[in-house]
Amino acid sequence: MKVLIPVDGSPASIRALKLAIDQLPKASFVIVNVQNPAALGLGGGGGIMPLEWIEQQEEEATRKALQRAVAVCSEAGVTCVTRSERGAIAETIDRVARGEHVAQIFMGTRGLGGVRGLVLGSVATQLLHLAEVPVTLVK
């Protein structure tokens, strides 16, 4: 069985990874980090920042998120493969899940809250509508 776990460095994404490992210790784990300029918190300033700087920020965020996730897998004695992607987060997670032929997705929820959450919607909600496999959301 192959399981996809999107990680973004948040405590919720690490909890999702740990739950997946606890529930499916013999599964193959695919850990993906998706970068999107909006996820870097650049707001409207992303257009004025040099492309190299944006790419450096994305690479650093990816490195940190994946490093922690790989450490969790190592501590648990399970192997994983990692993927670094760029794009719309929910759509990219769904594309990777289909391409990797995973049987399930475990995903942490962070919650935007307030007006931002109402306007943008949550990545988790978007993924639930897109995914063709079971999605376990972990708070």
C-alpha atoms as a PDB file:
ATOM      1  CA  MET A   1       0.000   0.000   0.000  1.00  0.00           C
ATOM      2  CA  LYS A   2       1.291   3.446  -0.906  1.00  0.00           C
ATOM      3  CA  VAL A   3       0.313   6.494   1.184  1.00  0.00           C
ATOM      4  CA  LEU A   4       0.832  10.174   0.385  1.00  0.00           C
ATOM      5  CA  ILE A   5       1.530  12.694   3.122  1.00  0.00           C
ATOM      6  CA  PRO A   6       1.779  16.372   2.160  1.00  0.00           C
ATOM      7  CA  VAL A   7       4.035  18.265   4.578  1.00  0.00           C
ATOM      8  CA  ASP A   8       4.545  21.978   4.999  1.00  0.00           C
ATOM      9  CA  GLY A   9       6.562  22.043   8.190  1.00  0.00           C
ATOM     10  CA  SER A  10       3.528  22.646  10.385  1.00  0.00           C
ATOM     11  CA  PRO A  11       2.900  20.582  13.520  1.00  0.00           C
ATOM     12  CA  ALA A  12      -0.347  19.333  11.942  1.00  0.00           C
ATOM     13  CA  SER A  13       1.470  17.895   8.914  1.00  0.00           C
ATOM     14  CA  ILE A  14       3.926  16.066  11.188  1.00  0.00           C
ATOM     15  CA  ARG A  15       1.018  14.721  13.272  1.00  0.00           C
ATOM     16  CA  ALA A  16      -0.546  13.419  10.044  1.00  0.00           C
ATOM     17  CA  LEU A  17       2.714  11.692   9.121  1.00  0.00           C
ATOM     18  CA  LYS A  18       3.037  10.115  12.577  1.00  0.00           C
ATOM     19  CA  LEU A  19      -0.584   8.900  12.454  1.00  0.00           C
ATOM     20  CA  ALA A  20      -0.032   7.366   9.017  1.00  0.00           C
ATOM     21  CA  ILE A  21       3.070   5.573  10.290  1.00  0.00           C
ATOM     22  CA  ASP A  22       1.226   4.352  13.411  1.00  0.00           C
ATOM     23  CA  GLN A  23      -1.772   3.090  11.457  1.00  0.00           C
ATOM     24  CA  LEU A  24       0.054   1.714   8.410  1.00  0.00           C
ATOM     25  CA  PRO A  25       3.622   0.842   9.467  1.00  0.00           C
ATOM     26  CA  LYS A  26       4.171  -1.465   6.467  1.00  0.00           C
ATOM     27  CA  ALA A  27       3.022   1.081   3.862  1.00  0.00           C
ATOM     28  CA  SER A  28       5.247   2.874   1.385  1.00  0.00           C
ATOM     29  CA  PHE A  29       5.265   6.566   2.208  1.00  0.00           C
ATOM     30  CA  VAL A  30       5.441   9.332  -0.355  1.00  0.00           C
ATOM     31  CA  ILE A  31       6.054  12.693   1.289  1.00  0.00           C
ATOM     32  CA  VAL A  32       5.410  15.764  -0.808  1.00  0.00           C
ATOM     33  CA  ASN A  33       6.046  19.426  -0.189  1.00  0.00           C
ATOM     34  CA  VAL A  34       4.251  21.845  -2.493  1.00  0.00           C
ATOM     35  CA  GLN A  35       5.485  25.382  -2.837  1.00  0.00           C
ATOM     36  CA  ASN A  36       3.303  28.199  -4.037  1.00  0.00           C
ATOM     37  CA  PRO A  37       4.333  31.885  -3.841  1.00  0.00           C
ATOM     38  CA  ALA A  38       1.135  32.602  -1.882  1.00  0.00           C
ATOM     39  CA  ALA A  39       2.214  29.999   0.701  1.00  0.00           C
ATOM     40  CA  LEU A  40       5.408  31.949   1.386  1.00  0.00           C
ATOM     41  CA  GLY A  41       3.396  34.809   2.839  1.00  0.00           C
ATOM     42  CA  LEU A  42       4.637  37.321   0.277  1.00  0.00           C
ATOM     43  CA  GLY A  43       1.200  38.772  -0.253  1.00  0.00           C
ATOM     44  CA  GLY A  44       1.146  41.296  -3.062  1.00  0.00           C
ATOM     45  CA  GLY A  45       4.897  41.848  -2.776  1.00  0.00           C
ATOM     46  CA  GLY A  46       5.768  38.650  -4.620  1.00  0.00           C
ATOM     47  CA  GLY A  47       5.721  40.470  -7.947  1.00  0.00           C
ATOM     48  CA  ILE A  48       8.403  42.947  -6.925  1.00  0.00           C
ATOM     49  CA  MET A  49      10.798  40.436  -5.374  1.00  0.00           C
ATOM     50  CA  PRO A  50      13.601  39.044  -7.545  1.00  0.00           C
ATOM     51  CA  LEU A  51      12.880  35.579  -8.913  1.00  0.00           C
ATOM     52  CA  GLU A  52      16.113  34.229  -7.396  1.00  0.00           C
ATOM     53  CA  TRP A  53      15.053  35.368  -3.930  1.00  0.00           C
ATOM     54  CA  ILE A  54      11.631  33.740  -4.293  1.00  0.00           C
ATOM     55  CA  GLU A  55      13.240  30.494  -5.452  1.00  0.00           C
ATOM     56  CA  GLN A  56      15.650  30.568  -2.488  1.00  0.00           C
ATOM     57  CA  GLN A  57      12.749  31.034  -0.073  1.00  0.00           C
ATOM     58  CA  GLU A  58      10.869  28.136  -1.662  1.00  0.00           C
ATOM     59  CA  GLU A  59      13.935  25.883  -1.557  1.00  0.00           C
ATOM     60  CA  GLU A  60      14.565  26.681   2.108  1.00  0.00           C
ATOM     61  CA  ALA A  61      10.933  26.051   3.058  1.00  0.00           C
ATOM     62  CA  THR A  62      10.977  22.754   1.162  1.00  0.00           C
ATOM     63  CA  ARG A  63      14.259  21.678   2.738  1.00  0.00           C
ATOM     64  CA  LYS A  64      13.000  22.356   6.261  1.00  0.00           C
ATOM     65  CA  ALA A  65       9.634  20.640   5.739  1.00  0.00           C
ATOM     66  CA  LEU A  66      11.097  17.534   4.121  1.00  0.00           C
ATOM     67  CA  GLN A  67      14.038  17.290   6.536  1.00  0.00           C
ATOM     68  CA  ARG A  68      11.707  17.074   9.538  1.00  0.00           C
ATOM     69  CA  ALA A  69       9.444  14.542   7.818  1.00  0.00           C
ATOM     70  CA  VAL A  70      12.364  12.302   6.821  1.00  0.00           C
ATOM     71  CA  ALA A  71      13.648  12.456  10.403  1.00  0.00           C
ATOM     72  CA  VAL A  72      10.265  11.271  11.690  1.00  0.00           C
ATOM     73  CA  CYS A  73      10.324   8.364   9.241  1.00  0.00           C
ATOM     74  CA  SER A  74      13.882   7.458  10.221  1.00  0.00           C
ATOM     75  CA  GLU A  75      12.999   7.534  13.925  1.00  0.00           C
ATOM     76  CA  ALA A  76      10.066   5.205  13.229  1.00  0.00           C
ATOM     77  CA  GLY A  77      12.182   2.869  11.109  1.00  0.00           C
ATOM     78  CA  VAL A  78      10.138   3.328   7.934  1.00  0.00           C
ATOM     79  CA  THR A  79      11.355   4.328   4.522  1.00  0.00           C
ATOM     80  CA  CYS A  80       9.944   7.124   2.442  1.00  0.00           C
ATOM     81  CA  VAL A  81      10.443   8.911  -0.826  1.00  0.00           C
ATOM     82  CA  THR A  82      10.177  12.673  -1.003  1.00  0.00           C
ATOM     83  CA  ARG A  83       8.892  14.946  -3.713  1.00  0.00           C
ATOM     84  CA  SER A  84       9.214  18.674  -4.087  1.00  0.00           C
ATOM     85  CA  GLU A  85       6.566  20.290  -6.254  1.00  0.00           C
ATOM     86  CA  ARG A  86       5.427  23.776  -7.186  1.00  0.00           C
ATOM     87  CA  GLY A  87       1.918  24.930  -8.019  1.00  0.00           C
ATOM     88  CA  ALA A  88      -1.581  25.238  -6.671  1.00  0.00           C
ATOM     89  CA  ILE A  89      -1.406  23.206  -3.498  1.00  0.00           C
ATOM     90  CA  ALA A  90      -4.561  21.045  -3.559  1.00  0.00           C
ATOM     91  CA  GLU A  91      -4.354  20.420  -7.293  1.00  0.00           C
ATOM     92  CA  THR A  92      -0.674  19.500  -7.060  1.00  0.00           C
ATOM     93  CA  ILE A  93      -1.259  17.101  -4.164  1.00  0.00           C
ATOM     94  CA  ASP A  94      -4.030  15.442  -6.172  1.00  0.00           C
ATOM     95  CA  ARG A  95      -1.809  15.212  -9.279  1.00  0.00           C
ATOM     96  CA  VAL A  96       1.003  13.594  -7.260  1.00  0.00           C
ATOM     97  CA  ALA A  97      -1.454  11.183  -5.604  1.00  0.00           C
ATOM     98  CA  ARG A  98      -2.753  10.064  -8.997  1.00  0.00           C
ATOM     99  CA  GLY A  99       0.724   9.842 -10.517  1.00  0.00           C
ATOM    100  CA  GLU A 100       2.075   7.818  -7.591  1.00  0.00           C
ATOM    101  CA  HIS A 101      -1.059   5.610  -7.522  1.00  0.00           C
ATOM    102  CA  VAL A 102      -1.490   6.031  -3.783  1.00  0.00           C
ATOM    103  CA  ALA A 103      -4.250   4.271  -1.905  1.00  0.00           C
ATOM    104  CA  GLN A 104      -4.733   6.981   0.731  1.00  0.00           C
ATOM    105  CA  ILE A 105      -3.742  10.510   1.711  1.00  0.00           C
ATOM    106  CA  PHE A 106      -3.045  11.630   5.286  1.00  0.00           C
ATOM    107  CA  MET A 107      -3.026  15.397   5.615  1.00  0.00           C
ATOM    108  CA  GLY A 108      -2.705  17.851   8.461  1.00  0.00           C
ATOM    109  CA  THR A 109      -5.061  20.806   8.665  1.00  0.00           C
ATOM    110  CA  ARG A 110      -3.866  24.207   9.743  1.00  0.00           C
ATOM    111  CA  GLY A 111      -6.981  26.328   9.331  1.00  0.00           C
ATOM    112  CA  LEU A 112      -6.766  29.830   7.930  1.00  0.00           C
ATOM    113  CA  GLY A 113      -9.680  31.094   9.968  1.00  0.00           C
ATOM    114  CA  GLY A 114     -11.452  34.409   9.566  1.00  0.00           C
ATOM    115  CA  VAL A 115     -11.998  36.182   6.285  1.00  0.00           C
ATOM    116  CA  ARG A 116      -8.934  34.666   4.602  1.00  0.00           C
ATOM    117  CA  GLY A 117     -10.337  31.165   5.105  1.00  0.00           C
ATOM    118  CA  LEU A 118     -13.734  32.172   3.774  1.00  0.00           C
ATOM    119  CA  VAL A 119     -12.303  33.822   0.673  1.00  0.00           C
ATOM    120  CA  LEU A 120      -9.606  31.280  -0.192  1.00  0.00           C
ATOM    121  CA  GLY A 121     -11.193  28.141   1.176  1.00  0.00           C
ATOM    122  CA  SER A 122      -9.041  25.505   2.747  1.00  0.00           C
ATOM    123  CA  VAL A 123      -6.585  23.317   0.900  1.00  0.00           C
ATOM    124  CA  ALA A 124      -8.071  20.342   2.738  1.00  0.00           C
ATOM    125  CA  THR A 125     -11.575  21.129   1.478  1.00  0.00           C
ATOM    126  CA  GLN A 126     -10.313  21.562  -2.072  1.00  0.00           C
ATOM    127  CA  LEU A 127      -8.420  18.275  -1.885  1.00  0.00           C
ATOM    128  CA  LEU A 128     -11.473  16.426  -0.570  1.00  0.00           C
ATOM    129  CA  HIS A 129     -13.332  17.455  -3.721  1.00  0.00           C
ATOM    130  CA  LEU A 130     -10.483  16.467  -6.058  1.00  0.00           C
ATOM    131  CA  ALA A 131      -9.096  13.247  -4.596  1.00  0.00           C
ATOM    132  CA  GLU A 132     -10.278   9.858  -5.762  1.00  0.00           C
ATOM    133  CA  VAL A 133      -8.786   8.070  -2.756  1.00  0.00           C
ATOM    134  CA  PRO A 134      -9.639   8.317   0.947  1.00  0.00           C
ATOM    135  CA  VAL A 135      -8.262  11.422   2.670  1.00  0.00           C
ATOM    136  CA  THR A 136      -7.639  11.375   6.410  1.00  0.00           C
ATOM    137  CA  LEU A 137      -7.480  14.878   7.880  1.00  0.00           C
ATOM    138  CA  VAL A 138      -5.494  15.351  11.069  1.00  0.00           C
ATOM    139  CA  LYS A 139      -5.891  18.425  13.258  1.00  0.00           C
END
